[in-house]
Amino acid sequence: MWVLPLVGYLGSIVGFCFLTLAIASGLYYLSELVEEHTVIAKRLLKRLIYFVIGLQITLCVVDRFPLGLTLLGVGSHVAYLGNMRRFPFVKLTDPLFLVSCVLVLANHYFWFRHFSGLQQRSYSRMSSMYDQPDVPSFTEIASFFGLCVWLVPFALFVSLSASDNVLPTMGSEQPSHDDDRKNKRQGMIKVVVDYVLSAIGQVGRLAGLKKQEDRF
């Protein structure tokens, strides 16, 4: 078969594009909801951070998760909590915000290395292929990463707001002093989506895929 595999690749690409657009639209909508209900969003995010901290401590006490990584996770969520002091506004040059970004990457790296090493040690102790390895399943590991590592940073990224001109637009002019005084705030995810769409449109115009508007 020659054509069917090509159809499979094409369908995968189209499905991935639709999935990406659906996720971007959902995030855009969530960002607008947060802008309309800032007080409720702040209250929910704080409770979510406390819940994740309590969950990590429980995992350390009951399931014997490593103390060092648990302290790293708890400390990271305390840093995330610090970003709530001026919620929903944020400065991308704020040291606490930059530290939070580094902590997200550090948590992902060290927890991934922990579970990878745990699986390698468990499989190396197996004397037969019929032995059942005493390791967390893929679902358990993915759920842990989703709840304890990614959920709060992702929610903060969607909820926090930034200036309209945080990310430059390709081909745009420098903002004037009047624009600076009228500088409006909007969700970070909306800024990112608008910037990406603007960049894609600019690349399309440069490639000749989209004609510029005729001027009389």
N, C-alpha and C. Protein backbone atom coordinates (compact mmCIF):
# COMPACT_ATOMS: atom_id res chain seq x y z
N MET A 1 0.85 -1.20 0.00
CA MET A 1 0.00 0.00 0.00
C MET A 1 0.88 1.25 0.00
N TRP A 2 0.56 2.17 -0.90
CA TRP A 2 1.33 3.39 -1.01
C TRP A 2 0.50 4.64 -0.69
N VAL A 3 -0.75 4.63 -1.11
CA VAL A 3 -1.57 5.83 -0.95
C VAL A 3 -2.13 5.95 0.46
N LEU A 4 -2.56 4.82 1.06
CA LEU A 4 -3.18 4.86 2.38
C LEU A 4 -2.25 5.43 3.46
N PRO A 5 -0.95 5.04 3.49
CA PRO A 5 -0.07 5.68 4.49
C PRO A 5 0.02 7.19 4.31
N LEU A 6 0.01 7.67 3.02
CA LEU A 6 0.05 9.11 2.80
C LEU A 6 -1.22 9.78 3.30
N VAL A 7 -2.36 9.08 3.10
CA VAL A 7 -3.63 9.60 3.63
C VAL A 7 -3.58 9.68 5.15
N GLY A 8 -2.97 8.66 5.78
CA GLY A 8 -2.83 8.67 7.24
C GLY A 8 -2.00 9.83 7.73
N TYR A 9 -0.86 10.10 7.05
CA TYR A 9 -0.02 11.25 7.43
C TYR A 9 -0.77 12.56 7.24
N LEU A 10 -1.48 12.69 6.10
CA LEU A 10 -2.22 13.92 5.84
C LEU A 10 -3.32 14.13 6.88
N GLY A 11 -4.05 13.04 7.21
CA GLY A 11 -5.09 13.15 8.23
C GLY A 11 -4.53 13.52 9.59
N SER A 12 -3.34 13.01 9.93
CA SER A 12 -2.71 13.35 11.21
C SER A 12 -2.35 14.82 11.27
N ILE A 13 -1.84 15.35 10.16
CA ILE A 13 -1.46 16.77 10.13
C ILE A 13 -2.69 17.65 10.26
N VAL A 14 -3.75 17.31 9.50
CA VAL A 14 -4.98 18.10 9.57
C VAL A 14 -5.60 18.03 10.96
N GLY A 15 -5.62 16.82 11.55
CA GLY A 15 -6.15 16.68 12.90
C GLY A 15 -5.36 17.47 13.92
N PHE A 16 -4.03 17.47 13.79
CA PHE A 16 -3.20 18.24 14.70
C PHE A 16 -3.48 19.73 14.58
N CYS A 17 -3.68 20.21 13.34
CA CYS A 17 -3.98 21.64 13.14
C CYS A 17 -5.31 22.00 13.78
N PHE A 18 -6.33 21.17 13.59
CA PHE A 18 -7.63 21.44 14.19
C PHE A 18 -7.55 21.39 15.72
N LEU A 19 -6.79 20.43 16.27
CA LEU A 19 -6.63 20.34 17.71
C LEU A 19 -5.94 21.58 18.27
N THR A 20 -4.91 22.06 17.57
CA THR A 20 -4.20 23.26 18.00
C THR A 20 -5.12 24.47 18.00
N LEU A 21 -5.93 24.61 16.94
CA LEU A 21 -6.86 25.73 16.87
C LEU A 21 -7.92 25.65 17.97
N ALA A 22 -8.39 24.42 18.26
CA ALA A 22 -9.38 24.25 19.32
C ALA A 22 -8.82 24.64 20.68
N ILE A 23 -7.58 24.21 20.96
CA ILE A 23 -6.94 24.55 22.24
C ILE A 23 -6.74 26.06 22.35
N ALA A 24 -6.27 26.68 21.25
CA ALA A 24 -6.05 28.14 21.28
C ALA A 24 -7.35 28.89 21.50
N SER A 25 -8.44 28.43 20.84
CA SER A 25 -9.74 29.08 21.03
C SER A 25 -10.24 28.93 22.46
N GLY A 26 -10.05 27.72 23.03
CA GLY A 26 -10.47 27.50 24.41
C GLY A 26 -9.70 28.37 25.39
N LEU A 27 -8.38 28.48 25.19
CA LEU A 27 -7.58 29.33 26.07
C LEU A 27 -7.96 30.80 25.94
N TYR A 28 -8.25 31.21 24.71
CA TYR A 28 -8.69 32.59 24.49
C TYR A 28 -9.98 32.88 25.26
N TYR A 29 -10.90 31.94 25.20
CA TYR A 29 -12.18 32.10 25.90
C TYR A 29 -11.98 32.12 27.41
N LEU A 30 -11.11 31.23 27.93
CA LEU A 30 -10.84 31.22 29.37
C LEU A 30 -10.21 32.53 29.82
N SER A 31 -9.32 33.08 28.98
CA SER A 31 -8.70 34.35 29.33
C SER A 31 -9.73 35.46 29.44
N GLU A 32 -10.72 35.46 28.53
CA GLU A 32 -11.77 36.47 28.62
C GLU A 32 -12.64 36.28 29.87
N LEU A 33 -12.89 35.01 30.24
CA LEU A 33 -13.67 34.76 31.45
C LEU A 33 -12.94 35.30 32.68
N VAL A 34 -11.62 35.10 32.73
CA VAL A 34 -10.85 35.58 33.87
C VAL A 34 -10.90 37.10 33.94
N GLU A 35 -10.83 37.77 32.77
CA GLU A 35 -10.90 39.22 32.76
C GLU A 35 -12.23 39.73 33.31
N GLU A 36 -13.30 38.98 33.06
CA GLU A 36 -14.62 39.41 33.53
C GLU A 36 -14.86 39.05 34.99
N HIS A 37 -14.21 38.01 35.49
CA HIS A 37 -14.45 37.53 36.87
C HIS A 37 -13.10 37.40 37.58
N THR A 38 -12.42 38.52 37.75
CA THR A 38 -11.08 38.52 38.31
C THR A 38 -11.07 38.05 39.76
N VAL A 39 -12.01 38.53 40.56
CA VAL A 39 -12.03 38.20 41.99
C VAL A 39 -12.24 36.70 42.19
N ILE A 40 -13.19 36.14 41.45
CA ILE A 40 -13.46 34.70 41.58
C ILE A 40 -12.26 33.89 41.12
N ALA A 41 -11.63 34.32 40.01
CA ALA A 41 -10.47 33.60 39.49
C ALA A 41 -9.31 33.63 40.49
N LYS A 42 -9.09 34.76 41.13
CA LYS A 42 -8.03 34.86 42.11
C LYS A 42 -8.28 33.94 43.30
N ARG A 43 -9.52 33.89 43.76
CA ARG A 43 -9.87 33.02 44.88
C ARG A 43 -9.68 31.55 44.51
N LEU A 44 -10.11 31.17 43.32
CA LEU A 44 -9.96 29.78 42.88
C LEU A 44 -8.50 29.39 42.72
N LEU A 45 -7.69 30.29 42.17
CA LEU A 45 -6.27 29.99 41.97
C LEU A 45 -5.55 29.81 43.30
N LYS A 46 -5.86 30.66 44.27
CA LYS A 46 -5.24 30.50 45.58
C LYS A 46 -5.60 29.17 46.22
N ARG A 47 -6.86 28.80 46.14
CA ARG A 47 -7.29 27.52 46.71
C ARG A 47 -6.66 26.36 45.95
N LEU A 48 -6.48 26.52 44.65
CA LEU A 48 -5.84 25.47 43.86
C LEU A 48 -4.38 25.29 44.27
N ILE A 49 -3.69 26.39 44.53
CA ILE A 49 -2.30 26.30 44.97
C ILE A 49 -2.21 25.61 46.32
N TYR A 50 -3.07 25.97 47.26
CA TYR A 50 -3.08 25.31 48.57
C TYR A 50 -3.40 23.82 48.44
N PHE A 51 -4.31 23.49 47.54
CA PHE A 51 -4.67 22.08 47.33
C PHE A 51 -3.47 21.29 46.81
N VAL A 52 -2.74 21.84 45.85
CA VAL A 52 -1.59 21.13 45.28
C VAL A 52 -0.49 20.98 46.33
N ILE A 53 -0.28 22.01 47.15
CA ILE A 53 0.73 21.91 48.22
C ILE A 53 0.35 20.80 49.19
N GLY A 54 -0.92 20.76 49.60
CA GLY A 54 -1.36 19.70 50.50
C GLY A 54 -1.25 18.32 49.85
N LEU A 55 -1.54 18.23 48.55
CA LEU A 55 -1.44 16.94 47.85
C LEU A 55 0.00 16.45 47.80
N GLN A 56 0.94 17.35 47.54
CA GLN A 56 2.35 16.94 47.49
C GLN A 56 2.85 16.50 48.86
N ILE A 57 2.44 17.19 49.91
CA ILE A 57 2.85 16.78 51.26
C ILE A 57 2.26 15.42 51.60
N THR A 58 1.00 15.20 51.21
CA THR A 58 0.36 13.90 51.44
C THR A 58 1.09 12.78 50.71
N LEU A 59 1.49 13.02 49.45
CA LEU A 59 2.23 12.03 48.69
C LEU A 59 3.58 11.72 49.33
N CYS A 60 4.19 12.73 49.91
CA CYS A 60 5.48 12.52 50.57
C CYS A 60 5.33 11.68 51.83
N VAL A 61 4.28 11.94 52.61
CA VAL A 61 4.09 11.24 53.88
C VAL A 61 3.56 9.83 53.67
N VAL A 62 2.58 9.67 52.80
CA VAL A 62 1.90 8.38 52.63
C VAL A 62 2.62 7.49 51.63
N ASP A 63 2.94 8.02 50.45
CA ASP A 63 3.54 7.22 49.39
C ASP A 63 5.05 7.31 49.33
N ARG A 64 5.67 7.95 50.31
CA ARG A 64 7.13 8.01 50.42
C ARG A 64 7.78 8.68 49.22
N PHE A 65 7.18 9.74 48.72
CA PHE A 65 7.83 10.50 47.66
C PHE A 65 9.07 11.20 48.23
N PRO A 66 10.10 11.43 47.39
CA PRO A 66 11.36 12.01 47.91
C PRO A 66 11.13 13.38 48.54
N LEU A 67 11.75 13.57 49.70
CA LEU A 67 11.55 14.80 50.46
C LEU A 67 12.10 16.01 49.71
N GLY A 68 13.27 15.85 49.09
CA GLY A 68 13.88 16.98 48.39
C GLY A 68 13.02 17.50 47.25
N LEU A 69 12.50 16.58 46.44
CA LEU A 69 11.64 17.00 45.33
C LEU A 69 10.32 17.56 45.83
N THR A 70 9.82 17.01 46.95
CA THR A 70 8.59 17.55 47.52
C THR A 70 8.79 18.99 47.99
N LEU A 71 9.94 19.25 48.64
CA LEU A 71 10.23 20.62 49.06
C LEU A 71 10.39 21.55 47.87
N LEU A 72 10.98 21.03 46.78
CA LEU A 72 11.09 21.84 45.56
C LEU A 72 9.71 22.18 45.02
N GLY A 73 8.80 21.19 45.00
CA GLY A 73 7.45 21.44 44.51
C GLY A 73 6.68 22.41 45.38
N VAL A 74 6.79 22.23 46.70
CA VAL A 74 6.09 23.14 47.62
C VAL A 74 6.65 24.55 47.51
N GLY A 75 7.98 24.67 47.45
CA GLY A 75 8.59 25.98 47.30
C GLY A 75 8.19 26.66 45.99
N SER A 76 8.07 25.86 44.93
CA SER A 76 7.66 26.42 43.65
C SER A 76 6.25 26.99 43.73
N HIS A 77 5.35 26.27 44.40
CA HIS A 77 3.98 26.76 44.50
C HIS A 77 3.87 27.96 45.44
N VAL A 78 4.78 28.05 46.40
CA VAL A 78 4.82 29.27 47.22
C VAL A 78 5.25 30.46 46.35
N ALA A 79 6.20 30.22 45.43
CA ALA A 79 6.60 31.27 44.50
C ALA A 79 5.46 31.64 43.55
N TYR A 80 4.71 30.63 43.10
CA TYR A 80 3.54 30.93 42.26
C TYR A 80 2.54 31.77 43.03
N LEU A 81 2.39 31.48 44.32
CA LEU A 81 1.46 32.24 45.15
C LEU A 81 1.89 33.70 45.25
N GLY A 82 3.21 33.94 45.22
CA GLY A 82 3.69 35.31 45.26
C GLY A 82 3.28 36.13 44.05
N ASN A 83 3.09 35.46 42.91
CA ASN A 83 2.64 36.17 41.72
C ASN A 83 1.20 36.65 41.82
N MET A 84 0.49 36.20 42.85
CA MET A 84 -0.90 36.60 43.02
C MET A 84 -1.04 37.95 43.71
N ARG A 85 0.05 38.54 44.14
CA ARG A 85 -0.06 39.77 44.93
C ARG A 85 -0.59 40.93 44.09
N ARG A 86 -0.31 40.92 42.77
CA ARG A 86 -0.85 41.97 41.90
C ARG A 86 -1.76 41.37 40.82
N PHE A 87 -2.37 40.26 41.15
CA PHE A 87 -3.23 39.56 40.20
C PHE A 87 -4.34 40.48 39.70
N PRO A 88 -4.64 40.50 38.40
CA PRO A 88 -4.12 39.61 37.35
C PRO A 88 -2.99 40.21 36.54
N PHE A 89 -2.38 41.31 37.01
CA PHE A 89 -1.35 41.96 36.23
C PHE A 89 0.02 41.38 36.57
N VAL A 90 0.92 41.40 35.59
CA VAL A 90 2.26 40.86 35.79
C VAL A 90 3.23 41.60 34.89
N LYS A 91 4.44 41.80 35.39
CA LYS A 91 5.53 42.34 34.58
C LYS A 91 6.46 41.19 34.22
N LEU A 92 6.74 41.04 32.93
CA LEU A 92 7.58 39.93 32.49
C LEU A 92 9.01 40.06 32.98
N THR A 93 9.41 41.24 33.46
CA THR A 93 10.75 41.44 34.00
C THR A 93 10.79 41.33 35.52
N ASP A 94 9.65 41.01 36.13
CA ASP A 94 9.59 40.83 37.58
C ASP A 94 10.45 39.64 37.99
N PRO A 95 11.40 39.81 38.93
CA PRO A 95 12.26 38.68 39.33
C PRO A 95 11.48 37.47 39.81
N LEU A 96 10.39 37.69 40.55
CA LEU A 96 9.60 36.56 41.04
C LEU A 96 8.95 35.80 39.89
N PHE A 97 8.50 36.53 38.87
CA PHE A 97 7.92 35.87 37.70
C PHE A 97 8.97 35.06 36.96
N LEU A 98 10.18 35.61 36.81
CA LEU A 98 11.26 34.89 36.14
C LEU A 98 11.67 33.64 36.93
N VAL A 99 11.72 33.78 38.25
CA VAL A 99 12.04 32.62 39.09
C VAL A 99 10.97 31.55 38.96
N SER A 100 9.71 31.95 38.87
CA SER A 100 8.63 30.98 38.71
C SER A 100 8.76 30.22 37.40
N CYS A 101 9.16 30.91 36.34
CA CYS A 101 9.36 30.23 35.05
C CYS A 101 10.48 29.20 35.15
N VAL A 102 11.55 29.56 35.84
CA VAL A 102 12.67 28.61 36.01
C VAL A 102 12.23 27.41 36.85
N LEU A 103 11.43 27.67 37.88
CA LEU A 103 10.98 26.59 38.75
C LEU A 103 10.06 25.62 38.01
N VAL A 104 9.27 26.11 37.07
CA VAL A 104 8.43 25.21 36.27
C VAL A 104 9.29 24.21 35.51
N LEU A 105 10.34 24.71 34.87
CA LEU A 105 11.23 23.83 34.11
C LEU A 105 11.99 22.89 35.04
N ALA A 106 12.44 23.41 36.19
CA ALA A 106 13.18 22.58 37.13
C ALA A 106 12.31 21.46 37.68
N ASN A 107 11.06 21.77 38.03
CA ASN A 107 10.15 20.73 38.52
C ASN A 107 9.93 19.65 37.48
N HIS A 108 9.70 20.06 36.25
CA HIS A 108 9.47 19.08 35.19
C HIS A 108 10.70 18.18 35.02
N TYR A 109 11.88 18.78 34.99
CA TYR A 109 13.10 18.01 34.75
C TYR A 109 13.38 17.01 35.88
N PHE A 110 13.35 17.50 37.11
CA PHE A 110 13.72 16.63 38.23
C PHE A 110 12.68 15.54 38.48
N TRP A 111 11.39 15.85 38.36
CA TRP A 111 10.38 14.81 38.55
C TRP A 111 10.42 13.79 37.42
N PHE A 112 10.68 14.25 36.20
CA PHE A 112 10.81 13.31 35.09
C PHE A 112 12.01 12.38 35.30
N ARG A 113 13.12 12.94 35.77
CA ARG A 113 14.30 12.11 36.03
C ARG A 113 14.03 11.13 37.17
N HIS A 114 13.26 11.56 38.17
CA HIS A 114 12.93 10.68 39.29
C HIS A 114 12.13 9.47 38.83
N PHE A 115 11.08 9.71 38.06
CA PHE A 115 10.24 8.58 37.61
C PHE A 115 10.98 7.71 36.60
N SER A 116 11.82 8.29 35.76
CA SER A 116 12.61 7.49 34.82
C SER A 116 13.58 6.59 35.56
N GLY A 117 14.27 7.14 36.56
CA GLY A 117 15.18 6.33 37.35
C GLY A 117 14.46 5.26 38.14
N LEU A 118 13.27 5.58 38.63
CA LEU A 118 12.48 4.60 39.38
C LEU A 118 12.11 3.41 38.50
N GLN A 119 11.73 3.68 37.26
CA GLN A 119 11.39 2.60 36.35
C GLN A 119 12.61 1.77 35.98
N GLN A 120 13.74 2.41 35.74
CA GLN A 120 14.95 1.68 35.37
C GLN A 120 15.40 0.76 36.50
N ARG A 121 15.37 1.25 37.73
CA ARG A 121 15.78 0.42 38.87
C ARG A 121 14.81 -0.74 39.07
N SER A 122 13.53 -0.49 38.88
CA SER A 122 12.55 -1.56 39.06
C SER A 122 12.71 -2.65 38.00
N TYR A 123 12.90 -2.27 36.76
CA TYR A 123 13.06 -3.26 35.70
C TYR A 123 14.38 -4.02 35.81
N SER A 124 15.40 -3.36 36.34
CA SER A 124 16.69 -4.05 36.49
C SER A 124 16.65 -5.11 37.58
N ARG A 125 15.71 -4.98 38.55
CA ARG A 125 15.59 -5.97 39.62
C ARG A 125 14.68 -7.14 39.25
N MET A 126 14.06 -7.08 38.08
CA MET A 126 13.17 -8.16 37.66
C MET A 126 13.99 -9.39 37.26
N SER A 127 13.66 -10.52 37.84
CA SER A 127 14.36 -11.78 37.53
C SER A 127 13.68 -12.54 36.41
N SER A 128 12.44 -12.20 36.08
CA SER A 128 11.69 -12.89 35.04
C SER A 128 10.77 -11.90 34.36
N MET A 129 10.44 -12.19 33.11
CA MET A 129 9.57 -11.30 32.36
C MET A 129 8.13 -11.33 32.87
N TYR A 130 7.83 -12.32 33.72
CA TYR A 130 6.49 -12.44 34.29
C TYR A 130 6.35 -11.65 35.59
N ASP A 131 7.45 -11.13 36.13
CA ASP A 131 7.37 -10.33 37.34
C ASP A 131 6.67 -9.01 37.06
N GLN A 132 5.92 -8.56 38.02
CA GLN A 132 5.22 -7.29 37.91
C GLN A 132 6.08 -6.18 38.53
N PRO A 133 6.53 -5.21 37.74
CA PRO A 133 7.36 -4.13 38.30
C PRO A 133 6.55 -3.24 39.24
N ASP A 134 7.15 -2.90 40.36
CA ASP A 134 6.49 -2.05 41.35
C ASP A 134 6.78 -0.59 41.03
N VAL A 135 6.17 -0.11 39.96
CA VAL A 135 6.36 1.28 39.52
C VAL A 135 4.99 1.88 39.22
N PRO A 136 4.88 3.20 39.30
CA PRO A 136 3.62 3.85 38.94
C PRO A 136 3.30 3.63 37.47
N SER A 137 2.03 3.54 37.16
CA SER A 137 1.61 3.37 35.78
C SER A 137 1.73 4.69 35.03
N PHE A 138 1.59 4.61 33.70
CA PHE A 138 1.66 5.83 32.89
C PHE A 138 0.56 6.80 33.27
N THR A 139 -0.63 6.28 33.55
CA THR A 139 -1.75 7.14 33.94
C THR A 139 -1.47 7.88 35.24
N GLU A 140 -0.88 7.17 36.20
CA GLU A 140 -0.56 7.80 37.49
C GLU A 140 0.51 8.87 37.34
N ILE A 141 1.54 8.58 36.53
CA ILE A 141 2.61 9.57 36.33
C ILE A 141 2.07 10.79 35.59
N ALA A 142 1.28 10.54 34.53
CA ALA A 142 0.72 11.66 33.77
C ALA A 142 -0.21 12.50 34.65
N SER A 143 -1.00 11.85 35.51
CA SER A 143 -1.89 12.59 36.40
C SER A 143 -1.11 13.42 37.39
N PHE A 144 -0.01 12.86 37.91
CA PHE A 144 0.83 13.62 38.84
C PHE A 144 1.40 14.86 38.17
N PHE A 145 1.94 14.69 36.97
CA PHE A 145 2.50 15.84 36.27
C PHE A 145 1.41 16.86 35.96
N GLY A 146 0.24 16.38 35.55
CA GLY A 146 -0.83 17.31 35.21
C GLY A 146 -1.31 18.12 36.40
N LEU A 147 -1.43 17.48 37.57
CA LEU A 147 -1.97 18.16 38.75
C LEU A 147 -0.90 18.91 39.55
N CYS A 148 0.23 18.27 39.78
CA CYS A 148 1.22 18.80 40.71
C CYS A 148 2.34 19.60 40.05
N VAL A 149 2.51 19.49 38.75
CA VAL A 149 3.62 20.17 38.08
C VAL A 149 3.12 21.23 37.11
N TRP A 150 2.12 20.91 36.30
CA TRP A 150 1.72 21.79 35.21
C TRP A 150 0.46 22.60 35.47
N LEU A 151 -0.43 22.14 36.33
CA LEU A 151 -1.75 22.75 36.44
C LEU A 151 -1.69 24.20 36.90
N VAL A 152 -1.00 24.47 37.99
CA VAL A 152 -0.96 25.84 38.52
C VAL A 152 -0.21 26.79 37.59
N PRO A 153 0.99 26.45 37.07
CA PRO A 153 1.64 27.37 36.13
C PRO A 153 0.80 27.63 34.89
N PHE A 154 0.13 26.59 34.38
CA PHE A 154 -0.71 26.77 33.21
C PHE A 154 -1.89 27.68 33.52
N ALA A 155 -2.51 27.48 34.67
CA ALA A 155 -3.63 28.33 35.06
C ALA A 155 -3.19 29.78 35.26
N LEU A 156 -2.00 29.98 35.83
CA LEU A 156 -1.49 31.34 36.01
C LEU A 156 -1.21 31.99 34.66
N PHE A 157 -0.65 31.22 33.72
CA PHE A 157 -0.34 31.77 32.41
C PHE A 157 -1.61 32.23 31.69
N VAL A 158 -2.68 31.46 31.85
CA VAL A 158 -3.94 31.84 31.22
C VAL A 158 -4.57 33.02 31.93
N SER A 159 -4.41 33.12 33.25
CA SER A 159 -5.13 34.11 34.05
C SER A 159 -4.42 35.45 34.11
N LEU A 160 -3.08 35.46 34.15
CA LEU A 160 -2.37 36.71 34.31
C LEU A 160 -2.52 37.58 33.08
N SER A 161 -2.44 38.88 33.28
CA SER A 161 -2.59 39.85 32.20
C SER A 161 -1.27 40.57 31.98
N ALA A 162 -1.12 41.07 30.77
CA ALA A 162 0.08 41.81 30.41
C ALA A 162 -0.33 42.98 29.52
N SER A 163 0.62 43.86 29.24
CA SER A 163 0.33 45.00 28.39
C SER A 163 0.11 44.56 26.96
N ASP A 164 -0.61 45.39 26.21
CA ASP A 164 -0.86 45.06 24.81
C ASP A 164 0.42 44.97 24.00
N ASN A 165 1.42 45.79 24.36
CA ASN A 165 2.64 45.83 23.56
C ASN A 165 3.77 45.05 24.22
N VAL A 166 3.44 44.03 25.03
CA VAL A 166 4.49 43.20 25.62
C VAL A 166 5.23 42.45 24.54
N LEU A 167 4.50 41.88 23.58
CA LEU A 167 5.10 41.19 22.45
C LEU A 167 4.97 42.07 21.22
N PRO A 168 6.06 42.27 20.48
CA PRO A 168 5.97 43.14 19.30
C PRO A 168 5.22 42.47 18.18
N THR A 169 4.59 43.28 17.34
CA THR A 169 3.93 42.78 16.15
C THR A 169 4.82 43.02 14.95
N MET A 170 5.01 42.01 14.12
CA MET A 170 5.89 42.12 12.97
C MET A 170 5.40 43.23 12.05
N GLY A 171 6.33 44.11 11.69
CA GLY A 171 5.98 45.19 10.79
C GLY A 171 5.29 46.35 11.45
N SER A 172 5.12 46.31 12.77
CA SER A 172 4.41 47.39 13.45
C SER A 172 5.39 48.49 13.79
N GLU A 173 4.84 49.69 14.00
CA GLU A 173 5.65 50.83 14.38
C GLU A 173 5.78 50.91 15.88
N GLN A 174 6.76 51.69 16.32
CA GLN A 174 6.96 51.88 17.75
C GLN A 174 5.78 52.65 18.32
N PRO A 175 5.28 52.29 19.50
CA PRO A 175 4.14 53.00 20.08
C PRO A 175 4.52 54.42 20.46
N SER A 176 3.60 55.35 20.25
CA SER A 176 3.84 56.74 20.60
C SER A 176 3.60 56.95 22.08
N HIS A 177 3.88 58.20 22.52
CA HIS A 177 3.68 58.52 23.93
C HIS A 177 2.20 58.49 24.28
N ASP A 178 1.35 58.89 23.33
CA ASP A 178 -0.09 58.83 23.60
C ASP A 178 -0.55 57.39 23.76
N ASP A 179 0.03 56.48 22.96
CA ASP A 179 -0.34 55.07 23.10
C ASP A 179 0.12 54.52 24.43
N ASP A 180 1.29 55.00 24.90
CA ASP A 180 1.79 54.53 26.20
C ASP A 180 0.85 54.95 27.32
N ARG A 181 0.32 56.18 27.22
CA ARG A 181 -0.58 56.64 28.27
C ARG A 181 -1.90 55.88 28.23
N LYS A 182 -2.28 55.43 27.03
CA LYS A 182 -3.54 54.71 26.88
C LYS A 182 -3.32 53.20 26.91
N ASN A 183 -2.14 52.80 27.35
CA ASN A 183 -1.80 51.37 27.31
C ASN A 183 -2.81 50.54 28.08
N LYS A 184 -3.41 49.59 27.39
CA LYS A 184 -4.46 48.77 27.96
C LYS A 184 -3.87 47.42 28.36
N ARG A 185 -4.51 46.73 29.25
CA ARG A 185 -4.06 45.42 29.70
C ARG A 185 -4.99 44.35 29.17
N GLN A 186 -4.41 43.20 28.84
CA GLN A 186 -5.23 42.07 28.42
C GLN A 186 -4.51 40.79 28.79
N GLY A 187 -5.21 39.68 28.67
CA GLY A 187 -4.66 38.40 29.08
C GLY A 187 -3.41 38.03 28.31
N MET A 188 -2.46 37.39 29.01
CA MET A 188 -1.22 37.01 28.36
C MET A 188 -1.45 36.04 27.21
N ILE A 189 -2.39 35.11 27.41
CA ILE A 189 -2.63 34.13 26.35
C ILE A 189 -3.22 34.83 25.13
N LYS A 190 -4.02 35.89 25.33
CA LYS A 190 -4.56 36.64 24.21
C LYS A 190 -3.45 37.40 23.49
N VAL A 191 -2.50 37.93 24.25
CA VAL A 191 -1.36 38.62 23.63
C VAL A 191 -0.56 37.65 22.77
N VAL A 192 -0.31 36.44 23.31
CA VAL A 192 0.47 35.45 22.58
C VAL A 192 -0.26 35.01 21.32
N VAL A 193 -1.56 34.71 21.44
CA VAL A 193 -2.34 34.26 20.28
C VAL A 193 -2.38 35.35 19.21
N ASP A 194 -2.62 36.60 19.61
CA ASP A 194 -2.67 37.70 18.64
C ASP A 194 -1.31 37.88 17.96
N TYR A 195 -0.25 37.72 18.73
CA TYR A 195 1.09 37.87 18.15
C TYR A 195 1.39 36.77 17.15
N VAL A 196 1.02 35.53 17.50
CA VAL A 196 1.27 34.41 16.59
C VAL A 196 0.47 34.56 15.31
N LEU A 197 -0.82 34.94 15.44
CA LEU A 197 -1.64 35.12 14.25
C LEU A 197 -1.11 36.26 13.38
N SER A 198 -0.64 37.34 14.01
CA SER A 198 -0.07 38.44 13.26
C SER A 198 1.20 38.02 12.54
N ALA A 199 2.04 37.23 13.22
CA ALA A 199 3.27 36.76 12.60
C ALA A 199 2.98 35.83 11.42
N ILE A 200 1.98 34.94 11.58
CA ILE A 200 1.62 34.03 10.49
C ILE A 200 1.10 34.82 9.30
N GLY A 201 0.27 35.83 9.55
CA GLY A 201 -0.24 36.66 8.46
C GLY A 201 0.86 37.41 7.75
N GLN A 202 1.85 37.92 8.52
CA GLN A 202 2.96 38.64 7.91
C GLN A 202 3.80 37.71 7.05
N VAL A 203 4.06 36.50 7.54
CA VAL A 203 4.82 35.52 6.76
C VAL A 203 4.07 35.14 5.49
N GLY A 204 2.74 34.99 5.62
CA GLY A 204 1.94 34.68 4.43
C GLY A 204 1.99 35.78 3.39
N ARG A 205 1.97 37.03 3.83
CA ARG A 205 2.07 38.14 2.88
C ARG A 205 3.44 38.18 2.21
N LEU A 206 4.49 37.93 2.99
CA LEU A 206 5.83 37.91 2.41
C LEU A 206 6.00 36.77 1.41
N ALA A 207 5.32 35.64 1.68
CA ALA A 207 5.42 34.49 0.77
C ALA A 207 4.48 34.62 -0.42
N GLY A 208 3.66 35.67 -0.46
CA GLY A 208 2.75 35.86 -1.57
C GLY A 208 1.47 35.08 -1.45
N LEU A 209 1.22 34.44 -0.28
CA LEU A 209 0.01 33.66 -0.11
C LEU A 209 -1.20 34.54 0.18
N LYS A 210 -0.94 35.74 0.67
CA LYS A 210 -2.02 36.66 1.00
C LYS A 210 -1.66 38.03 0.46
N LYS A 211 -2.49 38.55 -0.41
CA LYS A 211 -2.20 39.84 -1.02
C LYS A 211 -2.54 40.97 -0.06
N GLN A 212 -1.69 41.97 -0.09
CA GLN A 212 -1.96 43.13 0.72
C GLN A 212 -3.12 43.92 0.12
N GLU A 213 -3.83 44.67 0.95
CA GLU A 213 -4.98 45.42 0.48
C GLU A 213 -4.53 46.50 -0.51
N ASP A 214 -5.29 46.63 -1.57
CA ASP A 214 -4.98 47.64 -2.58
C ASP A 214 -5.28 49.01 -2.02
N ARG A 215 -4.38 49.93 -2.31
CA ARG A 215 -4.58 51.29 -1.85
C ARG A 215 -4.83 52.19 -3.06
N PHE A 216 -5.80 53.06 -2.94
CA PHE A 216 -6.14 53.97 -4.04
C PHE A 216 -5.38 55.26 -3.87
